[in-house]
Structures are given as structure tokens and as C-alpha cells.
């Protein structure tokens, strides 16, 4: 189940980047979000975080 998610994740990030480049409105929305104080990282990092957790969980399970 997670494998399918991992395979589609890079496609989703590429599509988001491509769409931001082609749409000024979406690019502006993303920049406005990133300029807020609650947003301490670029938007695409928030999409990468779940993948990071999966790798971390894998390492924990291997140690156990």
C-alpha cells in the first residue's frame, strides 16, 4: 500500500512545481503561504515530510 504512495509522490511534487511555474495565481498562493510565520519551511518540504517519517520508522524497526 505504501509502495504505490511512494511511487506517486515524486510525480505529485513535479506536477506541483510545474503548475506553480505555469500559474501565477497558484505561485502567488504558495509564496503567500510560505511567507506566513506558521510556515517555517518551503511548501514542498511539507510534502516530503511523510516520506522522511517512513524512512525513520524503517530504521527504528530494524533496530528493534
C-alpha atoms as a PDB file:
ATOM      1  CA  UNK A   1       0.000   0.000   0.000  1.00  0.00           C
ATOM      2  CA  UNK A   2       2.775   2.442   0.877  1.00  0.00           C
ATOM      3  CA  UNK A   3       4.782   1.497  -2.214  1.00  0.00           C
ATOM      4  CA  UNK A   4       2.111   2.927  -4.500  1.00  0.00           C
ATOM      5  CA  UNK A   5       2.120   6.112  -2.440  1.00  0.00           C
ATOM      6  CA  UNK A   6       5.898   6.410  -2.676  1.00  0.00           C
ATOM      7  CA  UNK A   7       5.858   5.933  -6.443  1.00  0.00           C
ATOM      8  CA  UNK A   8       3.242   8.653  -6.960  1.00  0.00           C
ATOM      9  CA  UNK A   9       4.856  11.066  -4.527  1.00  0.00           C
ATOM     10  CA  UNK A  10       7.598  12.273  -6.862  1.00  0.00           C
ATOM     11  CA  UNK A  11       5.064  12.720  -9.664  1.00  0.00           C
ATOM     12  CA  UNK A  12       2.895  14.840  -7.388  1.00  0.00           C
ATOM     13  CA  UNK A  13       5.831  17.064  -6.389  1.00  0.00           C
ATOM     14  CA  UNK A  14       6.859  17.536 -10.007  1.00  0.00           C
ATOM     15  CA  UNK A  15       3.307  18.390 -11.011  1.00  0.00           C
ATOM     16  CA  UNK A  16       3.004  20.920  -8.183  1.00  0.00           C
ATOM     17  CA  UNK A  17       6.248  22.583  -9.252  1.00  0.00           C
ATOM     18  CA  UNK A  18       5.223  22.568 -12.913  1.00  0.00           C
ATOM     19  CA  UNK A  19       1.805  24.038 -12.115  1.00  0.00           C
ATOM     20  CA  UNK A  20       3.293  26.739  -9.875  1.00  0.00           C
ATOM     21  CA  UNK A  21       5.555  27.796 -12.733  1.00  0.00           C
ATOM     22  CA  UNK A  22       2.699  27.978 -15.215  1.00  0.00           C
ATOM     23  CA  UNK A  23       0.074  29.581 -12.951  1.00  0.00           C
ATOM     24  CA  UNK A  24       0.866  32.966 -11.455  1.00  0.00           C
ATOM     25  CA  UNK A  25      -2.136  32.687  -9.156  1.00  0.00           C
ATOM     26  CA  UNK A  26      -1.001  29.373  -7.660  1.00  0.00           C
ATOM     27  CA  UNK A  27       2.578  30.629  -7.439  1.00  0.00           C
ATOM     28  CA  UNK A  28       1.338  33.650  -5.518  1.00  0.00           C
ATOM     29  CA  UNK A  29      -0.701  31.478  -3.169  1.00  0.00           C
ATOM     30  CA  UNK A  30       2.295  29.266  -2.460  1.00  0.00           C
ATOM     31  CA  UNK A  31       4.518  32.267  -1.804  1.00  0.00           C
ATOM     32  CA  UNK A  32       1.906  33.853   0.470  1.00  0.00           C
ATOM     33  CA  UNK A  33       1.717  30.605   2.435  1.00  0.00           C
ATOM     34  CA  UNK A  34       5.496  30.390   2.728  1.00  0.00           C
ATOM     35  CA  UNK A  35       5.703  33.995   3.973  1.00  0.00           C
ATOM     36  CA  UNK A  36       3.391  33.319   6.911  1.00  0.00           C
ATOM     37  CA  UNK A  37       5.003  32.929  10.320  1.00  0.00           C
ATOM     38  CA  UNK A  38       3.447  29.489  10.792  1.00  0.00           C
ATOM     39  CA  UNK A  39       5.218  28.250   7.678  1.00  0.00           C
ATOM     40  CA  UNK A  40       8.834  27.740   8.651  1.00  0.00           C
ATOM     41  CA  UNK A  41       9.806  25.647   5.589  1.00  0.00           C
ATOM     42  CA  UNK A  42       9.154  25.752   1.844  1.00  0.00           C
ATOM     43  CA  UNK A  43       5.839  24.173   0.875  1.00  0.00           C
ATOM     44  CA  UNK A  44       7.377  21.208  -0.942  1.00  0.00           C
ATOM     45  CA  UNK A  45       9.195  20.173   2.249  1.00  0.00           C
ATOM     46  CA  UNK A  46       5.825  19.592   3.903  1.00  0.00           C
ATOM     47  CA  UNK A  47       5.076  17.077   1.162  1.00  0.00           C
ATOM     48  CA  UNK A  48       8.405  15.329   1.726  1.00  0.00           C
ATOM     49  CA  UNK A  49       7.952  15.007   5.479  1.00  0.00           C
ATOM     50  CA  UNK A  50       5.754  11.867   5.367  1.00  0.00           C
ATOM     51  CA  UNK A  51       8.433  10.107   3.293  1.00  0.00           C
ATOM     52  CA  UNK A  52      11.053  11.090   5.831  1.00  0.00           C
ATOM     53  CA  UNK A  53       8.929   9.590   8.588  1.00  0.00           C
ATOM     54  CA  UNK A  54       8.599   6.315   6.702  1.00  0.00           C
ATOM     55  CA  UNK A  55      12.370   6.052   6.404  1.00  0.00           C
ATOM     56  CA  UNK A  56      12.723   6.882  10.084  1.00  0.00           C
ATOM     57  CA  UNK A  57      10.156   4.235  11.057  1.00  0.00           C
ATOM     58  CA  UNK A  58      12.007   1.674   8.947  1.00  0.00           C
ATOM     59  CA  UNK A  59      15.258   2.413  10.772  1.00  0.00           C
ATOM     60  CA  UNK A  60      13.556   2.129  14.164  1.00  0.00           C
ATOM     61  CA  UNK A  61      12.001  -1.209  13.244  1.00  0.00           C
ATOM     62  CA  UNK A  62      15.349  -2.533  12.024  1.00  0.00           C
ATOM     63  CA  UNK A  63      16.948  -1.592  15.348  1.00  0.00           C
ATOM     64  CA  UNK A  64      14.211  -3.343  17.293  1.00  0.00           C
END
